[in-house]
N, C-alpha and C. Protein backbone atom coordinates (compact mmCIF):
# COMPACT_ATOMS: atom_id res chain seq x y z
N MET A 1 0.84 -1.18 0.00
CA MET A 1 0.00 0.00 0.00
C MET A 1 0.88 1.24 0.00
N THR A 2 1.15 1.73 -1.15
CA THR A 2 1.98 2.92 -1.23
C THR A 2 1.26 4.01 -1.98
N ASN A 3 1.64 5.21 -1.69
CA ASN A 3 1.11 6.37 -2.39
C ASN A 3 1.91 6.49 -3.69
N THR A 4 1.23 6.49 -4.82
CA THR A 4 1.95 6.48 -6.10
C THR A 4 2.68 7.79 -6.35
N GLN A 5 2.27 8.87 -5.74
CA GLN A 5 2.94 10.15 -6.00
C GLN A 5 4.23 10.27 -5.21
N SER A 6 4.19 9.92 -3.91
CA SER A 6 5.38 10.12 -3.11
C SER A 6 6.16 8.84 -2.86
N GLY A 7 5.52 7.65 -3.09
CA GLY A 7 6.20 6.40 -2.82
C GLY A 7 6.18 6.02 -1.35
N GLU A 8 5.62 6.89 -0.49
CA GLU A 8 5.56 6.63 0.94
C GLU A 8 4.36 5.76 1.26
N SER A 9 4.49 4.88 2.23
CA SER A 9 3.40 4.00 2.63
C SER A 9 2.25 4.82 3.20
N ILE A 10 1.03 4.49 2.79
CA ILE A 10 -0.16 5.18 3.31
C ILE A 10 -0.32 4.88 4.79
N ILE A 11 0.07 3.67 5.22
CA ILE A 11 -0.05 3.31 6.63
C ILE A 11 0.81 4.22 7.50
N LEU A 12 1.96 4.63 7.01
CA LEU A 12 2.82 5.52 7.79
C LEU A 12 2.21 6.90 7.95
N GLN A 13 1.29 7.28 7.09
CA GLN A 13 0.68 8.59 7.16
C GLN A 13 -0.48 8.65 8.15
N ARG A 14 -0.84 7.52 8.76
CA ARG A 14 -1.97 7.51 9.67
C ARG A 14 -1.63 8.26 10.95
N SER A 15 -2.66 8.63 11.70
CA SER A 15 -2.42 9.43 12.90
C SER A 15 -2.36 8.57 14.17
N PHE A 16 -2.40 7.23 14.05
CA PHE A 16 -2.33 6.37 15.22
C PHE A 16 -0.87 6.16 15.62
N PRO A 17 -0.61 6.04 16.92
CA PRO A 17 0.77 5.75 17.33
C PRO A 17 1.12 4.32 16.99
N PRO A 18 2.39 4.01 16.73
CA PRO A 18 2.79 2.63 16.40
C PRO A 18 2.61 1.71 17.60
N CYS A 19 2.36 0.43 17.32
CA CYS A 19 2.19 -0.58 18.35
C CYS A 19 3.55 -0.92 18.94
N ARG A 20 3.63 -0.98 20.23
CA ARG A 20 4.91 -1.28 20.89
C ARG A 20 4.82 -2.52 21.78
N CYS A 21 3.78 -3.32 21.62
CA CYS A 21 3.65 -4.51 22.47
C CYS A 21 4.66 -5.58 22.03
N PRO A 22 5.10 -6.44 22.95
CA PRO A 22 6.09 -7.46 22.59
C PRO A 22 5.52 -8.54 21.67
N ARG A 23 4.23 -8.71 21.65
CA ARG A 23 3.61 -9.75 20.83
C ARG A 23 3.71 -9.41 19.34
N CYS A 24 3.54 -8.14 18.98
CA CYS A 24 3.55 -7.76 17.56
C CYS A 24 4.95 -7.89 16.94
N GLY A 25 5.94 -7.40 17.62
CA GLY A 25 7.28 -7.46 17.08
C GLY A 25 7.47 -6.54 15.88
N ASP A 26 6.50 -5.71 15.61
CA ASP A 26 6.55 -4.80 14.47
C ASP A 26 5.91 -3.50 14.91
N SER A 27 6.46 -2.41 14.52
CA SER A 27 5.87 -1.14 14.93
C SER A 27 4.57 -0.84 14.21
N ILE A 28 4.35 -1.48 13.05
CA ILE A 28 3.11 -1.28 12.28
C ILE A 28 2.60 -2.67 11.88
N PRO A 29 1.92 -3.39 12.79
CA PRO A 29 1.52 -4.76 12.48
C PRO A 29 0.52 -4.87 11.34
N GLU A 30 -0.32 -3.88 11.13
CA GLU A 30 -1.31 -3.97 10.07
C GLU A 30 -0.70 -3.87 8.67
N ALA A 31 0.56 -3.50 8.57
CA ALA A 31 1.21 -3.41 7.26
C ALA A 31 1.38 -4.78 6.63
N GLY A 32 1.46 -5.83 7.45
CA GLY A 32 1.64 -7.16 6.91
C GLY A 32 0.35 -7.88 6.57
N LEU A 33 -0.79 -7.28 6.85
CA LEU A 33 -2.06 -7.93 6.57
C LEU A 33 -2.37 -7.95 5.08
N ALA A 34 -2.95 -9.03 4.62
CA ALA A 34 -3.40 -9.12 3.24
C ALA A 34 -4.79 -8.50 3.14
N ASP A 35 -5.18 -8.10 1.93
CA ASP A 35 -6.48 -7.48 1.73
C ASP A 35 -7.63 -8.39 2.14
N HIS A 36 -7.51 -9.70 1.83
CA HIS A 36 -8.61 -10.62 2.15
C HIS A 36 -8.74 -10.84 3.65
N ALA A 37 -7.70 -10.59 4.43
CA ALA A 37 -7.80 -10.75 5.87
C ALA A 37 -8.59 -9.60 6.49
N ILE A 38 -8.54 -8.44 5.88
CA ILE A 38 -9.25 -7.27 6.40
C ILE A 38 -10.72 -7.33 6.01
N ALA A 39 -11.02 -7.62 4.76
CA ALA A 39 -12.40 -7.66 4.27
C ALA A 39 -12.54 -8.86 3.34
N PRO A 40 -13.04 -9.99 3.87
CA PRO A 40 -13.17 -11.16 3.00
C PRO A 40 -14.20 -10.92 1.91
N ALA A 41 -13.96 -11.50 0.76
CA ALA A 41 -14.86 -11.32 -0.38
C ALA A 41 -16.11 -12.18 -0.22
N ALA A 42 -17.19 -11.74 -0.83
CA ALA A 42 -18.43 -12.51 -0.84
C ALA A 42 -18.25 -13.73 -1.74
N PRO A 43 -19.00 -14.79 -1.47
CA PRO A 43 -18.87 -15.94 -2.35
C PRO A 43 -19.27 -15.58 -3.77
N PRO A 44 -18.57 -16.12 -4.76
CA PRO A 44 -18.88 -15.75 -6.14
C PRO A 44 -20.26 -16.25 -6.56
N ALA A 45 -20.92 -15.48 -7.38
CA ALA A 45 -22.22 -15.90 -7.91
C ALA A 45 -22.01 -16.96 -8.98
N ARG A 46 -22.83 -17.99 -8.92
CA ARG A 46 -22.71 -19.06 -9.91
C ARG A 46 -23.30 -18.60 -11.23
N ARG A 47 -22.70 -19.01 -12.31
CA ARG A 47 -23.19 -18.65 -13.64
C ARG A 47 -24.08 -19.77 -14.15
N VAL A 48 -25.33 -19.70 -13.72
CA VAL A 48 -26.32 -20.69 -14.11
C VAL A 48 -27.58 -19.96 -14.57
N ALA A 49 -28.45 -20.69 -15.22
CA ALA A 49 -29.73 -20.11 -15.65
C ALA A 49 -30.75 -20.25 -14.53
N PRO A 50 -31.69 -19.33 -14.44
CA PRO A 50 -32.74 -19.48 -13.42
C PRO A 50 -33.59 -20.72 -13.71
N PRO A 51 -34.21 -21.28 -12.69
CA PRO A 51 -35.01 -22.48 -12.91
C PRO A 51 -36.19 -22.20 -13.84
N CYS A 52 -36.63 -23.24 -14.57
CA CYS A 52 -37.76 -23.09 -15.49
C CYS A 52 -39.03 -22.71 -14.75
N GLU A 53 -39.23 -23.31 -13.58
CA GLU A 53 -40.40 -23.01 -12.76
C GLU A 53 -39.94 -22.55 -11.39
N PRO A 54 -39.78 -21.24 -11.18
CA PRO A 54 -39.36 -20.76 -9.87
C PRO A 54 -40.41 -21.11 -8.81
N TYR A 55 -39.96 -21.28 -7.60
CA TYR A 55 -40.84 -21.60 -6.48
C TYR A 55 -41.04 -20.34 -5.66
N ARG A 56 -42.26 -20.07 -5.25
CA ARG A 56 -42.54 -18.89 -4.44
C ARG A 56 -42.94 -19.31 -3.03
N PRO A 57 -41.98 -19.30 -2.09
CA PRO A 57 -42.29 -19.71 -0.73
C PRO A 57 -43.21 -18.70 -0.04
N SER A 58 -43.98 -19.17 0.93
CA SER A 58 -44.89 -18.28 1.63
C SER A 58 -44.80 -18.41 3.15
N VAL A 59 -44.24 -19.50 3.64
CA VAL A 59 -44.17 -19.74 5.08
C VAL A 59 -42.75 -19.41 5.58
N PRO A 60 -42.61 -18.46 6.50
CA PRO A 60 -41.27 -18.18 7.06
C PRO A 60 -40.67 -19.43 7.69
N GLY A 61 -39.40 -19.67 7.43
CA GLY A 61 -38.70 -20.84 7.92
C GLY A 61 -38.69 -21.99 6.93
N GLU A 62 -39.43 -21.84 5.83
CA GLU A 62 -39.48 -22.88 4.80
C GLU A 62 -38.11 -23.04 4.16
N ARG A 63 -37.74 -24.28 3.87
CA ARG A 63 -36.44 -24.57 3.27
C ARG A 63 -36.52 -24.38 1.76
N VAL A 64 -35.62 -23.54 1.21
CA VAL A 64 -35.58 -23.27 -0.22
C VAL A 64 -34.13 -23.33 -0.70
N PHE A 65 -33.96 -23.39 -2.02
CA PHE A 65 -32.62 -23.43 -2.62
C PHE A 65 -32.44 -22.18 -3.47
N ASP A 66 -31.38 -21.43 -3.19
CA ASP A 66 -31.03 -20.24 -3.98
C ASP A 66 -30.10 -20.70 -5.10
N VAL A 67 -30.62 -20.74 -6.31
CA VAL A 67 -29.86 -21.24 -7.46
C VAL A 67 -28.64 -20.36 -7.72
N ARG A 68 -28.78 -19.08 -7.59
CA ARG A 68 -27.69 -18.14 -7.91
C ARG A 68 -26.47 -18.36 -7.01
N SER A 69 -26.70 -18.53 -5.70
CA SER A 69 -25.57 -18.72 -4.79
C SER A 69 -25.23 -20.19 -4.58
N GLY A 70 -26.16 -21.10 -4.93
CA GLY A 70 -25.92 -22.52 -4.76
C GLY A 70 -26.06 -22.98 -3.32
N ARG A 71 -26.88 -22.28 -2.52
CA ARG A 71 -27.01 -22.61 -1.10
C ARG A 71 -28.47 -22.89 -0.72
N TRP A 72 -28.64 -23.83 0.20
CA TRP A 72 -29.94 -24.05 0.83
C TRP A 72 -30.12 -22.98 1.89
N ALA A 73 -31.36 -22.55 2.09
CA ALA A 73 -31.63 -21.47 3.04
C ALA A 73 -33.02 -21.61 3.62
N ALA A 74 -33.25 -20.85 4.68
CA ALA A 74 -34.57 -20.74 5.26
C ALA A 74 -35.17 -19.43 4.77
N PHE A 75 -36.38 -19.50 4.24
CA PHE A 75 -37.08 -18.32 3.74
C PHE A 75 -37.51 -17.49 4.94
N MET A 76 -37.25 -16.18 4.91
CA MET A 76 -37.60 -15.30 6.02
C MET A 76 -38.75 -14.36 5.68
N GLY A 77 -38.89 -13.96 4.43
CA GLY A 77 -39.97 -13.06 4.04
C GLY A 77 -39.68 -12.36 2.73
N TRP A 78 -40.68 -11.61 2.28
CA TRP A 78 -40.57 -10.85 1.03
C TRP A 78 -40.50 -9.36 1.32
N GLN A 79 -39.73 -8.64 0.54
CA GLN A 79 -39.71 -7.18 0.61
C GLN A 79 -39.28 -6.63 -0.75
N HIS A 80 -40.13 -5.81 -1.32
CA HIS A 80 -39.87 -5.15 -2.61
C HIS A 80 -39.53 -6.16 -3.72
N GLY A 81 -40.18 -7.30 -3.71
CA GLY A 81 -39.97 -8.30 -4.76
C GLY A 81 -38.79 -9.21 -4.55
N SER A 82 -38.05 -9.02 -3.49
CA SER A 82 -36.92 -9.89 -3.18
C SER A 82 -37.23 -10.75 -1.97
N ALA A 83 -36.74 -11.98 -2.01
CA ALA A 83 -36.90 -12.88 -0.87
C ALA A 83 -35.69 -12.74 0.03
N PHE A 84 -35.92 -12.69 1.32
CA PHE A 84 -34.82 -12.65 2.27
C PHE A 84 -34.62 -14.06 2.80
N LEU A 85 -33.37 -14.54 2.66
CA LEU A 85 -33.02 -15.90 3.01
C LEU A 85 -31.95 -15.90 4.09
N ARG A 86 -31.95 -16.95 4.89
CA ARG A 86 -30.95 -17.08 5.96
C ARG A 86 -30.36 -18.48 5.89
N PRO A 87 -29.06 -18.65 6.13
CA PRO A 87 -28.48 -19.99 6.12
C PRO A 87 -29.22 -20.91 7.10
N LEU A 88 -29.32 -22.19 6.77
CA LEU A 88 -30.08 -23.12 7.60
C LEU A 88 -29.51 -23.23 9.02
N GLY A 89 -28.23 -23.12 9.16
CA GLY A 89 -27.61 -23.20 10.48
C GLY A 89 -27.59 -21.88 11.22
N GLY A 90 -28.21 -20.85 10.65
CA GLY A 90 -28.18 -19.51 11.24
C GLY A 90 -27.08 -18.68 10.60
N GLY A 91 -27.23 -17.40 10.69
CA GLY A 91 -26.22 -16.51 10.12
C GLY A 91 -26.85 -15.28 9.51
N ILE A 92 -26.13 -14.62 8.66
CA ILE A 92 -26.54 -13.35 8.08
C ILE A 92 -27.46 -13.59 6.89
N GLU A 93 -28.56 -12.86 6.87
CA GLU A 93 -29.51 -12.97 5.76
C GLU A 93 -28.94 -12.37 4.48
N TRP A 94 -29.47 -12.84 3.36
CA TRP A 94 -29.18 -12.23 2.07
C TRP A 94 -30.48 -12.19 1.30
N ASP A 95 -30.50 -11.38 0.28
CA ASP A 95 -31.71 -11.29 -0.54
C ASP A 95 -31.47 -11.94 -1.89
N ALA A 96 -32.56 -12.44 -2.46
CA ALA A 96 -32.48 -13.10 -3.77
C ALA A 96 -33.73 -12.74 -4.56
N GLU A 97 -33.55 -12.57 -5.85
CA GLU A 97 -34.70 -12.31 -6.71
C GLU A 97 -35.56 -13.57 -6.75
N ALA A 98 -36.86 -13.39 -6.91
CA ALA A 98 -37.82 -14.49 -6.90
C ALA A 98 -37.51 -15.53 -7.98
N ARG A 99 -36.98 -15.09 -9.11
CA ARG A 99 -36.73 -16.02 -10.22
C ARG A 99 -35.60 -17.00 -9.93
N TRP A 100 -34.80 -16.80 -8.91
CA TRP A 100 -33.67 -17.67 -8.59
C TRP A 100 -33.97 -18.66 -7.49
N ILE A 101 -35.20 -18.71 -6.99
CA ILE A 101 -35.54 -19.58 -5.87
C ILE A 101 -36.30 -20.81 -6.33
N THR A 102 -35.92 -21.95 -5.79
CA THR A 102 -36.61 -23.20 -6.08
C THR A 102 -36.66 -24.03 -4.80
N ASN A 103 -37.42 -25.09 -4.81
CA ASN A 103 -37.47 -25.95 -3.62
C ASN A 103 -36.73 -27.27 -3.84
N THR A 104 -36.04 -27.40 -4.96
CA THR A 104 -35.20 -28.56 -5.23
C THR A 104 -33.86 -28.09 -5.77
N GLU A 105 -32.81 -28.81 -5.41
CA GLU A 105 -31.48 -28.44 -5.91
C GLU A 105 -31.37 -28.87 -7.38
N LEU A 106 -30.82 -28.00 -8.20
CA LEU A 106 -30.70 -28.30 -9.63
C LEU A 106 -29.47 -29.13 -9.92
């Protein structure tokens, strides 16, 4: 992470004092972090066609398959034409267009 104009590290320009704990062993421990460690990427969207007959769930908690992400989920509800889904084991909800939802894995 360098500034292209001056060649100086952007991390060195921050206003935080350097870490001096014995565990870090580096005055700027965040300089060694990779981008994916700071903000992991979302799972890639699968390049598939939507199902011929999309399924429209109506009961919250119903088990459905999101074709686009390739994951089974629990249906949570509808909002503005999108279905909100949650992983079966619990976790963060995501939204999916109605045309990508089915009740069988393709």
